[in-house]
Amino acid sequence: MERGGEDGKRKRDTGRPASPPPPQVGSRGLEPGSLCRSLRFAPAAFNLLRYCPTPERYTSVFKTAVKNDMKKSKMAMKTMGPAKVEIPSPKDFLKKHSKEKTLPPKKKFDWNEPRKPPVPLRTEHPVMGIQNDKNFINANATDVIMGMTRKHKPIYVDKRTGDKHDLETSGLVPKYINKKDYGVIPDYICKRNEEVKKSQKDYDNYIQENLRKAAMKRLSDDEREAVLQGLKKNWEEVHKEFQSLSVFIDSTPKKIRKQKLEREMKQLEHDIGIIEKHKTIYIANK
């Protein structure tokens, strides 16, 4: 039993990793690499400390070439979507013998067709020994002296660096105000002004005519007196009819008739009061 227990204990012990030996301390301190070996098997908190030197990361030799290729492929698509290319039509397919060169059409040979001039004979010699007595130096000097001097193009400089610009087209020279027709009104503007004046005059005449037609007429004294007497006579007739009504009103028609007569008498009294109050009366023409 004891052996079995010891064997099981040994098996359990062999399953665990063997602890590293403690770092050797020599006369000059710790051995090189002993601290790294001890920290490799230390707890997780100590493993976070990077005391061990790590190898440099591998960098490809073709890194720059790949970057350049990627930039080239991206520059072509730096637009709003892919480049707009005309889609080939399905009717324009490649046909047989379409890539072959076509020869020009045949021409019938004509003997009377003009030809190139013949080659000179070997006995013929060009004309030689011809000399000119003109003095080109004196002729050039005379042309320069007698000729007109070239007029330089006017320019102006607007910066201290010496940038030159044309002066005539700059607007700094009073070019247009010196013209003969400067300040003269063009013909089309004069014609348009006349048309505007004519249309305004026609409109004014139309307004005056309408006002003349719609002008109010003054009522004379005789007419005013006749209208006033007529209104008073109408009031007397309505008042007489109102007085002839029965004293006891017991039906709806009688009430309606009484209210109608009262309204008419009130309107007539109002009109009579206005005419008596105002001596001058105007009537509008409709």
Protein backbone atom coordinates (compact mmCIF):
# COMPACT_ATOMS: atom_id res chain seq x y z
CA MET A 1 0.00 0.00 0.00
CA GLU A 2 2.81 2.26 0.85
CA ARG A 3 4.49 1.51 -2.42
CA GLY A 4 1.33 2.28 -4.36
CA GLY A 5 0.94 5.57 -2.56
CA GLU A 6 4.52 6.49 -3.19
CA ASP A 7 4.22 5.54 -6.89
CA GLY A 8 1.09 7.67 -7.29
CA LYS A 9 2.78 10.55 -5.57
CA ARG A 10 5.72 10.21 -7.89
CA LYS A 11 3.42 10.23 -10.93
CA ARG A 12 1.69 13.35 -9.69
CA ASP A 13 5.02 15.00 -9.06
CA THR A 14 6.35 14.13 -12.50
CA GLY A 15 3.37 15.92 -14.16
CA ARG A 16 4.54 19.32 -12.94
CA PRO A 17 7.30 21.29 -14.69
CA ALA A 18 10.59 21.17 -12.96
CA SER A 19 11.50 24.41 -11.23
CA PRO A 20 14.59 26.12 -12.68
CA PRO A 21 17.74 26.15 -10.65
CA PRO A 22 18.49 29.36 -8.81
CA PRO A 23 20.76 31.82 -10.56
CA GLN A 24 24.43 31.21 -9.94
CA VAL A 25 26.25 34.02 -8.27
CA GLY A 26 29.88 34.19 -9.10
CA SER A 27 32.63 36.44 -8.06
CA ARG A 28 31.49 39.09 -10.56
CA GLY A 29 27.73 38.80 -9.89
CA LEU A 30 25.03 36.87 -11.77
CA GLU A 31 25.92 34.80 -14.77
CA PRO A 32 24.82 36.27 -18.14
CA GLY A 33 21.39 34.99 -19.14
CA SER A 34 20.63 33.50 -15.74
CA LEU A 35 18.08 36.27 -14.89
CA CYS A 36 16.21 35.77 -18.17
CA ARG A 37 16.04 32.03 -17.61
CA SER A 38 14.70 32.54 -14.12
CA LEU A 39 12.08 35.11 -15.22
CA ARG A 40 10.87 32.86 -18.02
CA PHE A 41 9.38 30.49 -15.47
CA ALA A 42 8.29 33.28 -13.06
CA PRO A 43 4.59 34.15 -12.41
CA ALA A 44 2.53 36.01 -15.03
CA ALA A 45 3.06 39.45 -13.46
CA PHE A 46 6.80 39.14 -13.92
CA ASN A 47 6.43 37.86 -17.47
CA LEU A 48 4.98 41.24 -18.49
CA LEU A 49 8.34 42.86 -17.85
CA ARG A 50 10.39 42.67 -21.02
CA TYR A 51 13.81 42.09 -19.69
CA CYS A 52 14.69 39.61 -22.43
CA PRO A 53 15.87 41.12 -25.73
CA THR A 54 13.44 40.40 -28.60
CA PRO A 55 14.59 39.89 -32.18
CA GLU A 56 13.87 42.60 -34.76
CA ARG A 57 10.73 42.27 -36.87
CA TYR A 58 11.22 40.99 -40.37
CA THR A 59 10.85 43.63 -43.08
CA SER A 60 10.35 42.61 -46.68
CA VAL A 61 12.69 43.93 -49.34
CA PHE A 62 9.74 44.54 -51.72
CA LYS A 63 7.85 46.78 -49.29
CA THR A 64 8.50 50.03 -51.21
CA ALA A 65 7.73 48.42 -54.57
CA VAL A 66 4.39 47.13 -53.29
CA LYS A 67 3.51 50.58 -51.91
CA ASN A 68 4.26 52.23 -55.24
CA ASP A 69 2.13 49.69 -57.09
CA MET A 70 -0.77 50.31 -54.70
CA LYS A 71 -0.50 54.08 -55.20
CA LYS A 72 -0.51 53.69 -58.98
CA SER A 73 -3.64 51.56 -58.89
CA LYS A 74 -5.42 53.98 -56.51
CA MET A 75 -4.63 57.15 -58.47
CA ALA A 76 -6.59 55.86 -61.47
CA MET A 77 -9.74 55.49 -59.37
CA LYS A 78 -9.56 58.82 -57.50
CA THR A 79 -12.80 60.08 -59.03
CA MET A 80 -16.49 59.96 -58.16
CA GLY A 81 -16.74 56.27 -58.91
CA PRO A 82 -14.95 54.37 -61.66
CA ALA A 83 -13.83 56.15 -64.81
CA LYS A 84 -16.61 56.52 -67.37
CA VAL A 85 -15.63 54.48 -70.40
CA GLU A 86 -17.89 53.95 -73.35
CA ILE A 87 -19.26 50.43 -73.31
CA PRO A 88 -18.52 48.58 -76.56
CA SER A 89 -21.59 47.78 -78.60
CA PRO A 90 -22.35 44.09 -79.17
CA LYS A 91 -22.86 44.90 -82.87
CA ASP A 92 -19.22 45.98 -83.29
CA PHE A 93 -17.73 42.52 -82.91
CA LEU A 94 -14.47 41.54 -84.56
CA LYS A 95 -15.08 40.33 -88.09
CA LYS A 96 -12.99 38.22 -90.38
CA HIS A 97 -10.23 40.05 -92.34
CA SER A 98 -11.18 43.34 -90.58
CA LYS A 99 -7.57 43.92 -89.41
CA GLU A 100 -6.01 43.37 -92.83
CA LYS A 101 -4.70 46.36 -94.76
CA THR A 102 -6.63 47.21 -97.91
CA LEU A 103 -4.74 48.09 -101.05
CA PRO A 104 -5.67 51.15 -103.13
CA PRO A 105 -7.82 50.51 -106.19
CA LYS A 106 -6.11 49.67 -109.46
CA LYS A 107 -5.52 52.41 -112.02
CA LYS A 108 -5.27 51.98 -115.74
CA PHE A 109 -1.85 52.99 -117.04
CA ASP A 110 -1.95 56.01 -119.32
CA TRP A 111 0.97 56.74 -121.65
CA ASN A 112 -0.01 60.38 -122.05
CA GLU A 113 0.20 61.05 -118.31
CA PRO A 114 2.78 63.78 -117.51
CA ARG A 115 6.02 62.45 -116.15
CA LYS A 116 8.96 63.81 -114.21
CA PRO A 117 11.53 65.96 -116.08
CA PRO A 118 14.37 63.96 -117.63
CA VAL A 119 17.76 63.61 -115.98
CA PRO A 120 20.30 66.14 -117.37
CA LEU A 121 22.89 64.78 -119.75
CA ARG A 122 26.49 64.43 -118.71
CA THR A 123 27.50 66.93 -121.35
CA GLU A 124 25.31 69.62 -119.82
CA HIS A 125 26.96 71.87 -117.22
CA PRO A 126 25.33 74.39 -114.89
CA VAL A 127 25.83 78.11 -115.45
CA MET A 128 28.75 79.22 -113.31
CA GLY A 129 30.69 82.44 -112.73
CA ILE A 130 27.67 84.73 -112.22
CA GLN A 131 28.57 87.47 -109.72
CA ASN A 132 26.53 90.24 -108.07
CA ASP A 133 28.02 93.69 -107.56
CA LYS A 134 25.61 94.59 -104.75
CA ASN A 135 27.25 95.57 -101.45
CA PHE A 136 25.01 93.92 -98.91
CA ILE A 137 26.74 95.59 -95.94
CA ASN A 138 26.10 99.10 -97.23
CA ALA A 139 22.57 98.14 -98.33
CA ASN A 140 21.70 96.81 -94.87
CA ALA A 141 23.17 99.90 -93.21
CA THR A 142 21.16 102.18 -95.51
CA ASP A 143 17.93 100.28 -94.77
CA VAL A 144 18.53 100.60 -91.04
CA ILE A 145 19.33 104.32 -91.23
CA MET A 146 16.48 105.25 -93.54
CA GLY A 147 13.95 102.90 -92.04
CA MET A 148 11.37 103.80 -89.40
CA THR A 149 12.21 102.97 -85.83
CA ARG A 150 10.22 100.18 -84.35
CA LYS A 151 7.67 101.35 -81.84
CA HIS A 152 7.95 99.41 -78.62
CA LYS A 153 4.84 97.97 -77.10
CA PRO A 154 3.83 99.88 -73.95
CA ILE A 155 3.98 97.77 -70.83
CA TYR A 156 3.67 98.28 -67.09
CA VAL A 157 5.23 96.51 -64.12
CA ASP A 158 3.09 95.89 -61.06
CA LYS A 159 5.54 94.02 -58.85
CA ARG A 160 9.09 94.55 -57.73
CA THR A 161 10.03 91.22 -59.26
CA GLY A 162 9.51 92.74 -62.72
CA ASP A 163 6.31 91.09 -63.98
CA LYS A 164 5.38 92.79 -67.27
CA HIS A 165 1.84 93.25 -68.57
CA ASP A 166 0.27 94.90 -71.59
CA LEU A 167 -0.64 98.52 -70.88
CA GLU A 168 -3.34 98.97 -73.54
CA THR A 169 -5.54 96.13 -72.30
CA SER A 170 -5.02 96.92 -68.62
CA GLY A 171 -7.53 99.80 -68.46
CA LEU A 172 -4.96 102.28 -67.11
CA VAL A 173 -4.81 104.22 -70.40
CA PRO A 174 -7.82 106.46 -71.28
CA LYS A 175 -8.53 104.68 -74.53
CA TYR A 176 -12.31 104.70 -74.87
CA ILE A 177 -12.96 108.24 -73.66
CA ASN A 178 -10.96 109.62 -76.58
CA LYS A 179 -13.23 108.05 -79.17
CA LYS A 180 -15.48 110.23 -81.31
CA ASP A 181 -18.66 108.42 -80.31
CA TYR A 182 -17.85 108.37 -76.60
CA GLY A 183 -20.85 109.40 -74.52
CA VAL A 184 -23.25 109.33 -77.48
CA ILE A 185 -26.47 107.45 -76.79
CA PRO A 186 -26.86 104.51 -79.19
CA ASP A 187 -29.67 104.53 -81.72
CA TYR A 188 -31.48 101.53 -80.27
CA ILE A 189 -31.67 103.21 -76.84
CA CYS A 190 -33.08 106.42 -78.39
CA LYS A 191 -35.65 104.38 -80.28
CA ARG A 192 -36.64 102.53 -77.14
CA ASN A 193 -36.97 105.78 -75.16
CA GLU A 194 -39.31 107.15 -77.81
CA GLU A 195 -41.43 104.02 -77.66
CA VAL A 196 -41.60 104.28 -73.84
CA LYS A 197 -42.66 107.93 -74.03
CA LYS A 198 -45.33 107.16 -76.61
CA SER A 199 -46.74 104.29 -74.54
CA GLN A 200 -46.79 106.51 -71.42
CA LYS A 201 -48.61 109.24 -73.33
CA ASP A 202 -51.23 106.77 -74.60
CA TYR A 203 -51.70 105.45 -71.06
CA ASP A 204 -52.16 108.98 -69.68
CA ASN A 205 -54.76 109.75 -72.36
CA TYR A 206 -56.60 106.55 -71.51
CA ILE A 207 -56.66 107.44 -67.80
CA GLN A 208 -57.89 110.98 -68.52
CA GLU A 209 -60.66 109.63 -70.73
CA ASN A 210 -61.79 107.21 -68.04
CA LEU A 211 -61.75 109.97 -65.43
CA ARG A 212 -63.75 112.21 -67.74
CA LYS A 213 -66.32 109.50 -68.22
CA ALA A 214 -66.47 108.76 -64.51
CA ALA A 215 -66.60 112.43 -63.49
CA MET A 216 -69.41 113.36 -61.04
CA LYS A 217 -72.27 115.58 -62.16
CA ARG A 218 -73.37 118.54 -59.97
CA LEU A 219 -77.06 118.64 -59.12
CA SER A 220 -78.67 122.00 -59.83
CA ASP A 221 -80.90 123.83 -57.31
CA ASP A 222 -84.09 123.12 -59.24
CA GLU A 223 -83.30 119.43 -59.51
CA ARG A 224 -82.35 119.31 -55.83
CA GLU A 225 -85.66 120.94 -54.87
CA ALA A 226 -87.61 118.55 -57.11
CA VAL A 227 -85.89 115.52 -55.57
CA LEU A 228 -86.54 116.85 -52.07
CA GLN A 229 -90.26 117.44 -52.77
CA GLY A 230 -90.57 113.98 -54.30
CA LEU A 231 -89.01 112.34 -51.23
CA LYS A 232 -91.35 114.28 -48.91
CA LYS A 233 -94.34 113.26 -51.00
CA ASN A 234 -93.27 109.61 -50.84
CA TRP A 235 -92.86 109.92 -47.09
CA GLU A 236 -96.39 111.31 -46.74
CA GLU A 237 -97.82 108.42 -48.77
CA VAL A 238 -95.97 105.84 -46.70
CA HIS A 239 -96.95 107.62 -43.50
CA LYS A 240 -100.61 107.69 -44.57
CA GLU A 241 -100.49 103.98 -45.30
CA PHE A 242 -98.82 103.40 -41.94
CA GLN A 243 -101.58 105.33 -40.17
CA SER A 244 -104.23 103.21 -41.87
CA LEU A 245 -102.95 100.05 -40.19
CA SER A 246 -105.10 98.44 -37.53
CA VAL A 247 -104.33 99.22 -33.92
CA PHE A 248 -104.40 95.60 -32.85
CA ILE A 249 -101.81 93.51 -34.79
CA ASP A 250 -102.43 89.84 -34.12
CA SER A 251 -101.02 88.09 -37.23
CA THR A 252 -97.58 87.61 -38.77
CA PRO A 253 -98.41 89.32 -42.14
CA LYS A 254 -99.55 92.44 -40.29
CA LYS A 255 -96.29 92.50 -38.32
CA ILE A 256 -94.22 92.11 -41.52
CA ARG A 257 -96.14 94.90 -43.26
CA LYS A 258 -95.70 97.23 -40.30
CA GLN A 259 -91.92 96.57 -40.16
CA LYS A 260 -91.63 97.16 -43.92
CA LEU A 261 -93.40 100.54 -43.70
CA GLU A 262 -91.24 101.56 -40.76
CA ARG A 263 -88.05 100.76 -42.71
CA GLU A 264 -89.25 102.74 -45.74
CA MET A 265 -90.17 105.77 -43.59
CA LYS A 266 -86.80 105.63 -41.84
CA GLN A 267 -84.91 105.50 -45.16
CA LEU A 268 -86.91 108.38 -46.60
CA GLU A 269 -86.30 110.49 -43.48
CA HIS A 270 -82.58 109.77 -43.77
CA ASP A 271 -82.48 110.83 -47.46
CA ILE A 272 -84.50 114.00 -46.78
CA GLY A 273 -82.15 114.95 -43.93
CA ILE A 274 -79.03 114.51 -46.15
CA ILE A 275 -80.47 116.61 -49.00
CA GLU A 276 -81.61 119.39 -46.63
CA LYS A 277 -78.24 119.41 -44.86
CA HIS A 278 -76.04 119.72 -48.00
CA LYS A 279 -76.72 122.46 -50.47
CA THR A 280 -74.31 121.16 -53.17
CA ILE A 281 -74.78 117.57 -54.32
CA TYR A 282 -72.74 115.60 -56.89
CA ILE A 283 -73.92 112.48 -58.68
CA ALA A 284 -71.41 109.90 -59.97
CA ASN A 285 -71.84 108.62 -63.54
CA LYS A 286 -71.91 104.84 -63.72
